[in-house]
C-alpha atoms as a PDB file:
ATOM      1  CA  MET A   1      -2.749   6.592 -11.631  1.00  0.00           C
ATOM      2  CA  VAL A   2       0.845   6.213 -12.736  1.00  0.00           C
ATOM      3  CA  ALA A   3       2.390   6.844 -16.158  1.00  0.00           C
ATOM      4  CA  VAL A   4       5.930   5.726 -17.059  1.00  0.00           C
ATOM      5  CA  SER A   5       6.738   8.917 -18.993  1.00  0.00           C
ATOM      6  CA  ASP A   6       5.414  12.386 -19.772  1.00  0.00           C
ATOM      7  CA  ALA A   7       4.467  11.045 -23.215  1.00  0.00           C
ATOM      8  CA  VAL A   8       2.270   8.338 -21.646  1.00  0.00           C
ATOM      9  CA  ALA A   9       0.678  10.960 -19.342  1.00  0.00           C
ATOM     10  CA  CYS A  10      -0.146  13.030 -22.445  1.00  0.00           C
ATOM     11  CA  THR A  11      -1.604   9.927 -24.123  1.00  0.00           C
ATOM     12  CA  LEU A  12      -3.807   9.352 -21.080  1.00  0.00           C
ATOM     13  CA  GLU A  13      -4.921  12.976 -21.244  1.00  0.00           C
ATOM     14  CA  GLU A  14      -5.824  12.548 -24.935  1.00  0.00           C
ATOM     15  CA  ARG A  15      -7.925   9.555 -23.903  1.00  0.00           C
ATOM     16  CA  GLY A  16      -9.918  11.628 -21.424  1.00  0.00           C
ATOM     17  CA  ILE A  17      -7.947  11.178 -18.183  1.00  0.00           C
ATOM     18  CA  GLY A  18      -7.376  14.530 -16.490  1.00  0.00           C
ATOM     19  CA  ARG A  19      -3.711  15.623 -16.595  1.00  0.00           C
ATOM     20  CA  GLU A  20      -3.697  16.034 -12.805  1.00  0.00           C
ATOM     21  CA  ARG A  21      -4.493  12.334 -12.262  1.00  0.00           C
ATOM     22  CA  PRO A  22      -1.401  10.448 -13.401  1.00  0.00           C
ATOM     23  CA  SER A  23       1.901  10.700 -11.582  1.00  0.00           C
ATOM     24  CA  VAL A  24       4.918  10.205 -13.845  1.00  0.00           C
ATOM     25  CA  VAL A  25       7.266   7.478 -12.572  1.00  0.00           C
ATOM     26  CA  LEU A  26      10.086   6.665 -14.957  1.00  0.00           C
ATOM     27  CA  ASN A  27      11.071   3.061 -15.596  1.00  0.00           C
ATOM     28  CA  GLY A  28      14.308   1.985 -13.950  1.00  0.00           C
ATOM     29  CA  ALA A  29      15.740   0.918 -10.641  1.00  0.00           C
ATOM     30  CA  VAL A  30      16.119   3.427  -7.810  1.00  0.00           C
ATOM     31  CA  GLY A  31      19.491   5.139  -8.018  1.00  0.00           C
ATOM     32  CA  THR A  32      19.905   4.767 -11.767  1.00  0.00           C
ATOM     33  CA  SER A  33      20.813   7.753 -13.904  1.00  0.00           C
ATOM     34  CA  ARG A  34      17.195   8.099 -15.073  1.00  0.00           C
ATOM     35  CA  LEU A  35      16.024   8.770 -11.546  1.00  0.00           C
ATOM     36  CA  VAL A  36      18.897  10.760 -10.004  1.00  0.00           C
ATOM     37  CA  CYS A  37      17.482  14.201 -10.884  1.00  0.00           C
ATOM     38  CA  ARG A  38      14.042  13.481  -9.493  1.00  0.00           C
ATOM     39  CA  PRO A  39      13.052  14.530  -5.947  1.00  0.00           C
ATOM     40  CA  PRO A  40      12.318  11.676  -3.530  1.00  0.00           C
ATOM     41  CA  ALA A  41       8.955  10.073  -4.107  1.00  0.00           C
ATOM     42  CA  LYS A  42       6.174  10.821  -1.634  1.00  0.00           C
ATOM     43  CA  PRO A  43       4.051   7.979  -0.269  1.00  0.00           C
ATOM     44  CA  VAL A  44       0.695   7.619  -1.981  1.00  0.00           C
ATOM     45  CA  ARG A  45      -2.538   6.307  -0.478  1.00  0.00           C
ATOM     46  CA  PHE A  46      -4.907   4.787  -2.981  1.00  0.00           C
ATOM     47  CA  LYS A  47      -8.660   4.891  -2.638  1.00  0.00           C
ATOM     48  CA  HIS A  48     -10.072   1.415  -2.351  1.00  0.00           C
ATOM     49  CA  PRO A  49     -11.038  -0.373  -4.434  1.00  0.00           C
ATOM     50  CA  ASN A  50      -8.528   0.649  -7.083  1.00  0.00           C
ATOM     51  CA  ILE A  51      -7.350  -0.693 -10.413  1.00  0.00           C
ATOM     52  CA  MET A  52      -3.693  -0.897 -11.361  1.00  0.00           C
ATOM     53  CA  CYS A  53      -2.481  -1.624 -14.865  1.00  0.00           C
ATOM     54  CA  VAL A  54       1.222  -1.803 -15.736  1.00  0.00           C
ATOM     55  CA  ALA A  55       1.479  -1.972 -19.499  1.00  0.00           C
ATOM     56  CA  GLY A  56       2.570  -0.175 -22.630  1.00  0.00           C
ATOM     57  CA  MET A  57      -0.026   2.140 -24.132  1.00  0.00           C
ATOM     58  CA  TYR A  58      -0.827  -0.064 -27.114  1.00  0.00           C
ATOM     59  CA  ARG A  59      -4.263  -0.487 -28.683  1.00  0.00           C
ATOM     60  CA  ARG A  60      -3.779  -4.290 -28.698  1.00  0.00           C
ATOM     61  CA  LYS A  61      -3.703  -4.262 -24.913  1.00  0.00           C
ATOM     62  CA  ALA A  62      -7.245  -2.825 -24.710  1.00  0.00           C
ATOM     63  CA  LEU A  63      -6.293  -0.218 -22.117  1.00  0.00           C
ATOM     64  CA  ARG A  64      -9.357   1.793 -23.060  1.00  0.00           C
ATOM     65  CA  ILE A  65     -11.208  -0.608 -20.758  1.00  0.00           C
ATOM     66  CA  CYS A  66      -9.066   0.448 -17.788  1.00  0.00           C
ATOM     67  CA  CYS A  67      -9.393   4.116 -18.728  1.00  0.00           C
ATOM     68  CA  THR A  68     -13.181   3.757 -18.956  1.00  0.00           C
ATOM     69  CA  LEU A  69     -13.383   1.987 -15.608  1.00  0.00           C
ATOM     70  CA  SER A  70     -11.246   4.629 -13.918  1.00  0.00           C
ATOM     71  CA  HIS A  71     -13.807   7.368 -14.451  1.00  0.00           C
END
């Protein structure tokens, strides 16, 4: 599970997703100032099947469905 900020990771935790689950990956292209201070990303292998949702954490997007399915 990937969150686009620490704030989104905290929101996921508040919604019942364990804090160890999401990896924080900031928005932005590789090499931009937002990503310069981060260590290189490690490859990740997903369990299959998996669900990926790229969206803002807004109630109108019904992300609670994805969070429920991820348990």
